[in-house]
Structures are given as C-alpha cells and as structure tokens.
Amino acid sequence: MITKYIQIEDLVREVPGSVRYLMEKGIKCLACGEPIWGTLESAAKAKGFSENDIDEFVRDLNSITMVINA
C-alpha cells in the first residue's frame, strides 16, 4: 500500500505508472534528469500541493497499483 511517506525512488520502482501520473500533476522532475529524493509528501509540498492534494495522490496511486496487480 502506498502512503504519502513512500520514498520517491521506491514509488517509481514499485509502480512505474506513477511517473506519468505525477508528471501530469506537475511533479515533472521525475523524468527530466533531476532525481527527486525524499517522500511523495515532501515532493508534492515542494511543488505547492496541499495535504488534501497529497491525500488524493495517494488514493489515485493506490488505484493505479490495484489495476496493475489485477
């Protein structure tokens, strides 16, 4: 299960589809050659997202994971 505390590196490794999702949300450094270190929460906050936004990201990313694993 994905939480807002997941490390970006772990998220990308575990759910490759998360890169596209996060890029669509404006967290583009995942594919631009500048690695992001830290948690999903810290990366989202650095881009100005609220706690509610981050909770939505977690729900969406868990849904992506469920579809992939189905």
N, C-alpha and C. Protein backbone atom coordinates (compact mmCIF):
# COMPACT_ATOMS: atom_id res chain seq x y z
N MET A 1 0.85 -1.18 0.00
CA MET A 1 0.00 0.00 0.00
C MET A 1 0.89 1.24 0.00
N ILE A 2 0.54 2.17 -0.84
CA ILE A 2 1.28 3.42 -0.95
C ILE A 2 0.77 4.41 0.08
N THR A 3 1.70 5.09 0.74
CA THR A 3 1.35 6.17 1.66
C THR A 3 2.11 7.42 1.22
N LYS A 4 1.79 8.54 1.84
CA LYS A 4 2.50 9.78 1.50
C LYS A 4 3.94 9.75 1.97
N TYR A 5 4.28 8.77 2.78
CA TYR A 5 5.63 8.65 3.30
C TYR A 5 6.54 7.78 2.44
N ILE A 6 6.01 7.24 1.33
CA ILE A 6 6.83 6.40 0.47
C ILE A 6 7.94 7.25 -0.16
N GLN A 7 9.12 6.69 -0.23
CA GLN A 7 10.23 7.36 -0.90
C GLN A 7 9.96 7.37 -2.41
N ILE A 8 10.25 8.49 -3.06
CA ILE A 8 10.01 8.60 -4.50
C ILE A 8 10.69 7.47 -5.26
N GLU A 9 11.93 7.16 -4.89
CA GLU A 9 12.64 6.09 -5.59
C GLU A 9 11.90 4.76 -5.49
N ASP A 10 11.34 4.47 -4.30
CA ASP A 10 10.59 3.23 -4.10
C ASP A 10 9.28 3.26 -4.89
N LEU A 11 8.63 4.40 -4.91
CA LEU A 11 7.37 4.53 -5.65
C LEU A 11 7.59 4.25 -7.13
N VAL A 12 8.61 4.87 -7.71
CA VAL A 12 8.89 4.69 -9.13
C VAL A 12 9.27 3.24 -9.43
N ARG A 13 10.01 2.62 -8.54
CA ARG A 13 10.41 1.23 -8.75
C ARG A 13 9.21 0.30 -8.64
N GLU A 14 8.36 0.53 -7.64
CA GLU A 14 7.23 -0.36 -7.38
C GLU A 14 6.06 -0.13 -8.34
N VAL A 15 5.87 1.13 -8.75
CA VAL A 15 4.73 1.48 -9.60
C VAL A 15 5.23 2.36 -10.74
N PRO A 16 5.78 1.77 -11.79
CA PRO A 16 6.32 2.57 -12.89
C PRO A 16 5.30 3.56 -13.47
N GLY A 17 4.02 3.21 -13.43
CA GLY A 17 2.97 4.11 -13.92
C GLY A 17 2.85 5.39 -13.11
N SER A 18 3.48 5.42 -11.95
CA SER A 18 3.40 6.61 -11.11
C SER A 18 4.16 7.78 -11.73
N VAL A 19 5.17 7.51 -12.54
CA VAL A 19 5.93 8.59 -13.16
C VAL A 19 5.01 9.45 -14.02
N ARG A 20 4.27 8.81 -14.88
CA ARG A 20 3.35 9.55 -15.76
C ARG A 20 2.31 10.29 -14.95
N TYR A 21 1.73 9.64 -13.96
CA TYR A 21 0.72 10.28 -13.12
C TYR A 21 1.27 11.54 -12.46
N LEU A 22 2.43 11.43 -11.84
CA LEU A 22 3.00 12.58 -11.14
C LEU A 22 3.40 13.68 -12.11
N MET A 23 3.89 13.32 -13.28
CA MET A 23 4.21 14.33 -14.29
C MET A 23 2.96 15.10 -14.69
N GLU A 24 1.84 14.40 -14.83
CA GLU A 24 0.58 15.06 -15.17
C GLU A 24 0.12 16.00 -14.07
N LYS A 25 0.55 15.72 -12.84
CA LYS A 25 0.19 16.57 -11.71
C LYS A 25 1.17 17.73 -11.52
N GLY A 26 2.21 17.77 -12.34
CA GLY A 26 3.17 18.86 -12.26
C GLY A 26 4.44 18.55 -11.52
N ILE A 27 4.61 17.31 -11.11
CA ILE A 27 5.85 16.90 -10.47
C ILE A 27 6.69 16.26 -11.57
N LYS A 28 7.35 17.12 -12.34
CA LYS A 28 7.99 16.70 -13.59
C LYS A 28 9.43 16.28 -13.45
N CYS A 29 10.06 16.57 -12.36
CA CYS A 29 11.49 16.27 -12.22
C CYS A 29 11.78 14.77 -12.25
N LEU A 30 10.75 13.96 -12.13
CA LEU A 30 10.96 12.51 -12.16
C LEU A 30 11.57 12.05 -13.48
N ALA A 31 11.28 12.75 -14.56
CA ALA A 31 11.75 12.30 -15.87
C ALA A 31 12.67 13.31 -16.54
N CYS A 32 12.96 14.41 -15.87
CA CYS A 32 13.74 15.46 -16.53
C CYS A 32 15.23 15.32 -16.26
N GLY A 33 15.63 14.28 -15.57
CA GLY A 33 17.04 14.08 -15.31
C GLY A 33 17.49 14.58 -13.95
N GLU A 34 16.62 15.25 -13.23
CA GLU A 34 16.94 15.71 -11.88
C GLU A 34 16.22 14.79 -10.90
N PRO A 35 16.94 13.89 -10.28
CA PRO A 35 16.26 12.95 -9.37
C PRO A 35 15.67 13.66 -8.17
N ILE A 36 14.53 13.18 -7.75
CA ILE A 36 13.90 13.68 -6.53
C ILE A 36 14.23 12.71 -5.41
N TRP A 37 14.68 13.23 -4.31
CA TRP A 37 14.95 12.41 -3.13
C TRP A 37 13.94 12.80 -2.08
N GLY A 38 13.53 11.86 -1.30
CA GLY A 38 12.57 12.15 -0.25
C GLY A 38 11.26 11.45 -0.51
N THR A 39 10.26 11.88 0.21
CA THR A 39 8.96 11.23 0.17
C THR A 39 8.03 11.86 -0.86
N LEU A 40 6.98 11.14 -1.16
CA LEU A 40 5.93 11.68 -2.01
C LEU A 40 5.39 12.98 -1.41
N GLU A 41 5.19 12.97 -0.11
CA GLU A 41 4.69 14.16 0.58
C GLU A 41 5.63 15.35 0.40
N SER A 42 6.91 15.15 0.63
CA SER A 42 7.85 16.28 0.53
C SER A 42 7.97 16.79 -0.90
N ALA A 43 7.93 15.89 -1.89
CA ALA A 43 8.00 16.30 -3.29
C ALA A 43 6.76 17.11 -3.67
N ALA A 44 5.59 16.66 -3.22
CA ALA A 44 4.35 17.37 -3.52
C ALA A 44 4.31 18.72 -2.83
N LYS A 45 4.73 18.77 -1.58
CA LYS A 45 4.74 20.05 -0.85
C LYS A 45 5.72 21.03 -1.50
N ALA A 46 6.84 20.54 -2.01
CA ALA A 46 7.81 21.41 -2.67
C ALA A 46 7.22 22.05 -3.92
N LYS A 47 6.23 21.39 -4.50
CA LYS A 47 5.55 21.92 -5.68
C LYS A 47 4.30 22.71 -5.32
N GLY A 48 4.04 22.87 -4.01
CA GLY A 48 2.93 23.70 -3.56
C GLY A 48 1.60 23.00 -3.37
N PHE A 49 1.61 21.68 -3.35
CA PHE A 49 0.36 20.95 -3.17
C PHE A 49 -0.04 20.91 -1.70
N SER A 50 -1.35 20.89 -1.47
CA SER A 50 -1.91 20.86 -0.11
C SER A 50 -1.98 19.42 0.41
N GLU A 51 -2.28 19.30 1.69
CA GLU A 51 -2.46 17.96 2.29
C GLU A 51 -3.60 17.22 1.58
N ASN A 52 -4.68 17.94 1.24
CA ASN A 52 -5.79 17.30 0.53
C ASN A 52 -5.34 16.78 -0.83
N ASP A 53 -4.53 17.57 -1.53
CA ASP A 53 -4.00 17.12 -2.82
C ASP A 53 -3.16 15.86 -2.65
N ILE A 54 -2.32 15.86 -1.63
CA ILE A 54 -1.45 14.72 -1.38
C ILE A 54 -2.27 13.48 -1.05
N ASP A 55 -3.32 13.64 -0.26
CA ASP A 55 -4.20 12.51 0.04
C ASP A 55 -4.84 11.98 -1.24
N GLU A 56 -5.21 12.87 -2.15
CA GLU A 56 -5.78 12.45 -3.44
C GLU A 56 -4.74 11.68 -4.25
N PHE A 57 -3.50 12.17 -4.26
CA PHE A 57 -2.43 11.46 -4.98
C PHE A 57 -2.28 10.04 -4.45
N VAL A 58 -2.30 9.90 -3.13
CA VAL A 58 -2.15 8.58 -2.51
C VAL A 58 -3.29 7.66 -2.94
N ARG A 59 -4.53 8.18 -2.90
CA ARG A 59 -5.68 7.37 -3.33
C ARG A 59 -5.53 6.95 -4.80
N ASP A 60 -5.18 7.92 -5.64
CA ASP A 60 -5.04 7.62 -7.06
C ASP A 60 -3.92 6.61 -7.32
N LEU A 61 -2.80 6.80 -6.66
CA LEU A 61 -1.67 5.89 -6.87
C LEU A 61 -1.97 4.48 -6.37
N ASN A 62 -2.72 4.38 -5.30
CA ASN A 62 -3.14 3.05 -4.84
C ASN A 62 -4.11 2.42 -5.84
N SER A 63 -4.94 3.23 -6.47
CA SER A 63 -5.84 2.71 -7.50
C SER A 63 -5.05 2.20 -8.70
N ILE A 64 -4.03 2.95 -9.10
CA ILE A 64 -3.16 2.53 -10.20
C ILE A 64 -2.52 1.19 -9.87
N THR A 65 -2.05 1.06 -8.64
CA THR A 65 -1.41 -0.17 -8.20
C THR A 65 -2.39 -1.34 -8.25
N MET A 66 -3.62 -1.11 -7.83
CA MET A 66 -4.62 -2.18 -7.83
C MET A 66 -4.92 -2.63 -9.25
N VAL A 67 -4.99 -1.70 -10.21
CA VAL A 67 -5.27 -2.05 -11.59
C VAL A 67 -4.12 -2.86 -12.17
N ILE A 68 -2.89 -2.44 -11.87
CA ILE A 68 -1.71 -3.15 -12.38
C ILE A 68 -1.66 -4.58 -11.83
N ASN A 69 -2.00 -4.73 -10.57
CA ASN A 69 -1.91 -6.04 -9.91
C ASN A 69 -3.14 -6.91 -10.13
N ALA A 70 -4.15 -6.40 -10.80
CA ALA A 70 -5.39 -7.17 -11.02
C ALA A 70 -5.19 -8.24 -12.07
